[in-house]
Protein backbone atom coordinates (compact mmCIF):
# COMPACT_ATOMS: atom_id res chain seq x y z
CA UNK A 1 46.44 16.90 -35.45
CA UNK A 2 46.07 14.88 -32.23
CA UNK A 3 43.17 15.50 -29.86
CA UNK A 4 43.62 15.35 -26.10
CA UNK A 5 42.16 12.18 -24.56
CA UNK A 6 39.56 14.08 -22.55
CA UNK A 7 38.30 15.76 -25.72
CA UNK A 8 37.83 12.37 -27.40
CA UNK A 9 35.83 11.06 -24.41
CA UNK A 10 33.54 14.09 -24.46
CA UNK A 11 33.12 13.72 -28.23
CA UNK A 12 32.09 10.07 -27.85
CA UNK A 13 29.56 10.90 -25.10
CA UNK A 14 28.03 13.67 -27.17
CA UNK A 15 27.71 11.39 -30.19
CA UNK A 16 25.65 8.78 -28.33
CA UNK A 17 21.93 8.70 -29.20
CA UNK A 18 19.51 10.13 -26.67
CA UNK A 19 17.72 7.39 -24.72
CA UNK A 20 14.18 6.45 -25.65
CA UNK A 21 12.99 7.58 -22.23
CA UNK A 22 14.51 11.05 -22.72
CA UNK A 23 13.02 11.35 -26.19
CA UNK A 24 9.62 10.36 -24.85
CA UNK A 25 9.83 12.90 -22.05
CA UNK A 26 10.80 15.67 -24.49
CA UNK A 27 7.92 14.83 -26.79
CA UNK A 28 5.55 14.87 -23.83
CA UNK A 29 6.98 18.17 -22.60
CA UNK A 30 6.24 19.73 -25.99
CA UNK A 31 2.57 18.82 -25.69
CA UNK A 32 0.35 21.66 -24.53
CA UNK A 33 -0.54 21.42 -20.86
CA UNK A 34 1.57 18.33 -20.20
CA UNK A 35 2.73 17.91 -16.59
CA UNK A 36 5.41 15.40 -15.66
CA UNK A 37 3.64 13.03 -13.21
CA UNK A 38 6.89 12.34 -11.38
CA UNK A 39 7.18 16.03 -10.52
CA UNK A 40 3.70 16.37 -9.06
CA UNK A 41 3.41 17.33 -5.37
CA UNK A 42 2.25 14.57 -3.05
CA UNK A 43 -1.14 16.20 -2.51
CA UNK A 44 -1.86 15.85 -6.24
CA UNK A 45 -0.39 12.35 -6.46
CA UNK A 46 -2.59 11.05 -3.64
CA UNK A 47 -5.68 12.40 -5.39
CA UNK A 48 -5.07 9.56 -7.85
CA UNK A 49 -5.32 5.86 -7.07
CA UNK A 50 -1.99 4.05 -6.95
CA UNK A 51 -2.83 2.18 -10.17
CA UNK A 52 -3.67 5.42 -12.00
CA UNK A 53 -0.44 7.10 -10.92
CA UNK A 54 1.76 4.11 -11.69
CA UNK A 55 0.19 3.86 -15.15
CA UNK A 56 1.18 7.48 -15.82
CA UNK A 57 4.80 6.80 -14.87
CA UNK A 58 4.91 3.62 -16.97
CA UNK A 59 3.65 5.63 -19.95
CA UNK A 60 6.77 7.84 -19.93
CA UNK A 61 9.32 5.17 -19.03
CA UNK A 62 11.17 3.04 -21.55
CA UNK A 63 10.89 -0.02 -19.31
CA UNK A 64 7.54 -1.19 -17.94
CA UNK A 65 9.20 -2.75 -14.89
CA UNK A 66 11.34 0.32 -14.19
CA UNK A 67 8.36 2.60 -14.63
CA UNK A 68 6.26 0.46 -12.32
CA UNK A 69 8.93 0.47 -9.62
CA UNK A 70 9.49 4.23 -9.93
CA UNK A 71 5.75 4.84 -9.68
CA UNK A 72 5.38 2.54 -6.68
CA UNK A 73 8.29 4.15 -4.84
CA UNK A 74 7.05 7.69 -5.47
CA UNK A 75 3.46 6.92 -4.50
CA UNK A 76 4.63 5.00 -1.44
CA UNK A 77 6.83 7.88 -0.29
CA UNK A 78 3.85 10.25 -0.51
CA UNK A 79 1.63 7.78 1.33
CA UNK A 80 4.24 7.45 4.11
CA UNK A 81 4.54 11.24 4.37
CA UNK A 82 0.77 11.53 4.88
CA UNK A 83 0.80 8.80 7.54
CA UNK A 84 3.75 10.42 9.32
CA UNK A 85 2.04 13.82 9.28
CA UNK A 86 -1.13 12.32 10.75
CA UNK A 87 0.83 10.46 13.45
CA UNK A 88 2.73 13.63 14.37
CA UNK A 89 -0.48 15.67 14.51
CA UNK A 90 -2.12 13.12 16.81
CA UNK A 91 0.94 13.05 19.05
CA UNK A 92 0.89 16.84 19.41
CA UNK A 93 -2.80 16.82 20.31
CA UNK A 94 -2.31 13.87 22.70
CA UNK A 95 -5.13 12.04 20.92
CA UNK A 96 -2.96 9.40 19.30
CA UNK A 97 -2.60 5.69 20.06
CA UNK A 98 -1.22 4.48 23.36
CA UNK A 99 2.13 2.75 23.71
CA UNK A 100 0.30 -0.59 23.95
CA UNK A 101 -1.61 0.12 20.75
CA UNK A 102 1.58 1.00 18.87
CA UNK A 103 3.22 -2.18 20.17
CA UNK A 104 0.26 -4.22 18.91
CA UNK A 105 0.56 -2.54 15.51
CA UNK A 106 4.27 -3.39 15.37
CA UNK A 107 3.48 -7.02 16.24
CA UNK A 108 0.76 -7.12 13.57
CA UNK A 109 3.10 -5.67 10.93
CA UNK A 110 5.85 -8.12 11.87
CA UNK A 111 3.47 -11.06 11.47
CA UNK A 112 2.24 -9.65 8.16
CA UNK A 113 5.80 -9.30 6.82
CA UNK A 114 6.57 -12.88 7.89
CA UNK A 115 3.53 -14.15 6.00
CA UNK A 116 4.48 -12.01 2.99
CA UNK A 117 8.00 -13.43 2.86
CA UNK A 118 6.67 -17.00 2.97
CA UNK A 119 3.95 -16.28 0.39
CA UNK A 120 6.43 -14.81 -2.10
CA UNK A 121 9.15 -17.41 -1.52
CA UNK A 122 10.05 -19.14 -4.76
CA UNK A 123 8.38 -16.55 -6.99
CA UNK A 124 10.47 -16.26 -10.17
CA UNK A 125 12.12 -12.96 -11.04
CA UNK A 126 11.35 -10.38 -12.37
CA UNK A 127 7.83 -11.18 -11.17
CA UNK A 128 9.12 -11.34 -7.58
CA UNK A 129 10.65 -7.86 -7.84
CA UNK A 130 7.41 -6.27 -8.98
CA UNK A 131 5.20 -8.22 -6.58
CA UNK A 132 7.43 -7.43 -3.59
CA UNK A 133 7.28 -3.75 -4.48
CA UNK A 134 3.50 -3.86 -4.76
CA UNK A 135 3.32 -5.76 -1.45
CA UNK A 136 5.34 -3.04 0.28
CA UNK A 137 2.96 -0.43 -1.14
CA UNK A 138 -0.09 -2.51 -0.21
CA UNK A 139 1.09 -2.86 3.43
CA UNK A 140 1.10 0.92 3.92
CA UNK A 141 -2.69 0.98 4.06
CA UNK A 142 -2.72 -0.85 7.40
CA UNK A 143 -0.57 1.68 9.23
CA UNK A 144 -2.53 4.61 7.81
CA UNK A 145 -5.85 3.01 8.77
CA UNK A 146 -4.48 2.41 12.27
CA UNK A 147 -3.70 6.09 12.84
CA UNK A 148 -6.79 7.26 11.00
CA UNK A 149 -9.06 5.66 13.60
CA UNK A 150 -7.76 8.14 16.19
CA UNK A 151 -8.33 11.18 14.01
CA UNK A 152 -11.13 13.38 15.44
CA UNK A 153 -14.17 13.53 13.23
CA UNK A 154 -16.54 16.47 13.39
CA UNK A 155 -20.14 15.33 13.69
CA UNK A 156 -22.84 17.85 12.81
CA UNK A 157 -25.23 18.08 15.77
CA UNK A 158 -28.97 17.73 15.57
CA UNK A 159 -31.14 20.67 16.50
CA UNK A 160 -30.61 21.55 20.15
CA UNK A 161 -27.47 19.39 20.51
CA UNK A 162 -23.88 20.53 20.93
CA UNK A 163 -21.27 19.68 18.32
CA UNK A 164 -19.03 16.79 19.34
CA UNK A 165 -15.65 15.59 18.14
CA UNK A 166 -15.58 11.81 18.61
CA UNK A 167 -12.76 9.61 17.39
CA UNK A 168 -13.23 6.46 15.35
CA UNK A 169 -11.59 4.28 17.99
CA UNK A 170 -13.58 3.05 20.94
CA UNK A 171 -12.23 3.49 24.45
CA UNK A 172 -11.80 -0.26 24.83
CA UNK A 173 -9.85 -0.44 21.56
CA UNK A 174 -7.49 2.29 22.73
CA UNK A 175 -6.99 0.64 26.10
CA UNK A 176 -6.35 -2.84 24.70
CA UNK A 177 -4.30 -1.68 21.72
CA UNK A 178 -6.58 -3.27 19.17
CA UNK A 179 -5.57 -2.95 15.53
CA UNK A 180 -8.78 -1.76 13.88
CA UNK A 181 -9.93 0.80 11.37
CA UNK A 182 -13.42 1.81 12.45
CA UNK A 183 -15.50 2.51 15.50
CA UNK A 184 -16.27 -1.13 16.15
CA UNK A 185 -19.83 -0.86 14.86
CA UNK A 186 -21.60 -4.00 13.76
CA UNK A 187 -20.59 -5.00 10.21
CA UNK A 188 -23.24 -4.69 7.53
CA UNK A 189 -24.56 -7.71 5.68
CA UNK A 190 -22.63 -6.66 2.57
CA UNK A 191 -19.39 -6.42 4.56
CA UNK A 192 -19.97 -9.89 5.99
CA UNK A 193 -20.67 -11.28 2.52
CA UNK A 194 -17.47 -9.74 1.16
CA UNK A 195 -15.44 -11.19 4.03
CA UNK A 196 -16.94 -14.64 3.45
CA UNK A 197 -16.20 -14.34 -0.26
CA UNK A 198 -12.58 -13.36 0.47
CA UNK A 199 -12.16 -16.22 2.97
CA UNK A 200 -13.41 -18.71 0.40
CA UNK A 201 -11.05 -17.39 -2.28
CA UNK A 202 -8.14 -17.50 0.16
CA UNK A 203 -9.05 -21.10 1.02
CA UNK A 204 -9.09 -22.01 -2.68
CA UNK A 205 -5.61 -20.58 -3.20
CA UNK A 206 -4.23 -22.40 -0.15
CA UNK A 207 -5.89 -25.65 -1.21
CA UNK A 208 -4.10 -25.56 -4.56
CA UNK A 209 -0.69 -25.61 -2.84
CA UNK A 210 1.36 -28.67 -1.80
CA UNK A 211 0.56 -29.82 1.75
CA UNK A 212 3.82 -28.65 3.30
CA UNK A 213 3.51 -25.17 1.85
CA UNK A 214 -0.20 -25.02 2.67
CA UNK A 215 0.45 -25.73 6.37
CA UNK A 216 3.34 -23.24 6.49
CA UNK A 217 1.27 -20.40 5.04
CA UNK A 218 -1.82 -21.28 7.07
CA UNK A 219 0.22 -21.10 10.28
CA UNK A 220 1.85 -17.80 9.27
CA UNK A 221 -1.52 -16.30 8.38
CA UNK A 222 -2.90 -17.42 11.72
CA UNK A 223 -0.25 -15.26 13.40
CA UNK A 224 -1.72 -12.26 11.55
CA UNK A 225 -5.43 -12.95 12.00
CA UNK A 226 -5.57 -14.96 15.18
CA UNK A 227 -3.34 -12.96 17.54
CA UNK A 228 -4.69 -9.48 16.88
CA UNK A 229 -8.08 -7.88 17.40
CA UNK A 230 -9.20 -6.83 13.93
CA UNK A 231 -12.49 -5.23 13.05
CA UNK A 232 -14.39 -6.49 10.03
CA UNK A 233 -13.02 -3.83 7.69
CA UNK A 234 -9.41 -4.56 8.60
CA UNK A 235 -9.95 -8.32 8.53
CA UNK A 236 -11.34 -8.06 5.00
CA UNK A 237 -8.36 -5.92 3.94
CA UNK A 238 -5.94 -8.54 5.32
CA UNK A 239 -7.67 -11.37 3.44
CA UNK A 240 -7.56 -9.36 0.21
CA UNK A 241 -3.89 -8.65 0.77
CA UNK A 242 -3.18 -12.37 1.22
CA UNK A 243 -5.13 -13.16 -1.95
CA UNK A 244 -3.10 -10.58 -3.85
CA UNK A 245 0.12 -12.34 -2.78
CA UNK A 246 -1.02 -15.84 -3.66
CA UNK A 247 -2.96 -15.37 -6.89
CA UNK A 248 -1.08 -16.42 -10.04
CA UNK A 249 -0.04 -13.49 -12.22
CA UNK A 250 -1.65 -15.27 -15.17
CA UNK A 251 -5.09 -14.81 -13.64
CA UNK A 252 -7.15 -11.65 -13.48
CA UNK A 253 -6.78 -10.18 -9.96
CA UNK A 254 -9.78 -10.75 -7.70
CA UNK A 255 -9.52 -7.26 -6.23
CA UNK A 256 -8.49 -3.82 -7.42
CA UNK A 257 -5.52 -2.07 -5.76
CA UNK A 258 -6.25 -1.06 -2.16
CA UNK A 259 -5.95 2.68 -2.78
């Protein structure tokens, strides 16, 4: 008896073994109370740090690299959705950043991407794939912090005082379009120490590079730091981001993930 060709194709597909990833997911699904982390709503995902969430995805994926990338993409999409919702809310309330401030943010992000491309140039694959994905996730913090400074914060009044709703951004910051993340208050001694520590580590990493590459990266980083008004919190975040890009993967990272 001869079988139709289509029947033979279906028979071959059905006879293939189930992938390791599918088997793992089925075993997990059979566990009491197990919830697929990839199916969590964004509100639940963002309650976790990015490293915690990515680790959960890696645990159910057959490939560490694939799991890492899937986790990064999902977490990043949720982070973007939160930033977009905040930006839209500020626009509706007319309390958001001015056109000049948004232009300064775009210039800052462009300079940051230029530095990132130069910092990752020559990185061998698959390390480059993973590091680029993490860099894209890491960059999202700057845009969120930018909009967050305009978000009204309720301050509980003292006895006899009226409740006020100040924003984190100062009037001068809003007018000039400064890229900052706080009210412009004086940095604490601990913040200053952390910034100095990060600057020194960044200098060590640059100093270990060939002269031509050192000058190229130093100039690109100057476009990020030197041409934009950054408060101490944002400046520290930028230095830590640069360190993340330049540190060898064989070394223990100097800083934990940004969020």
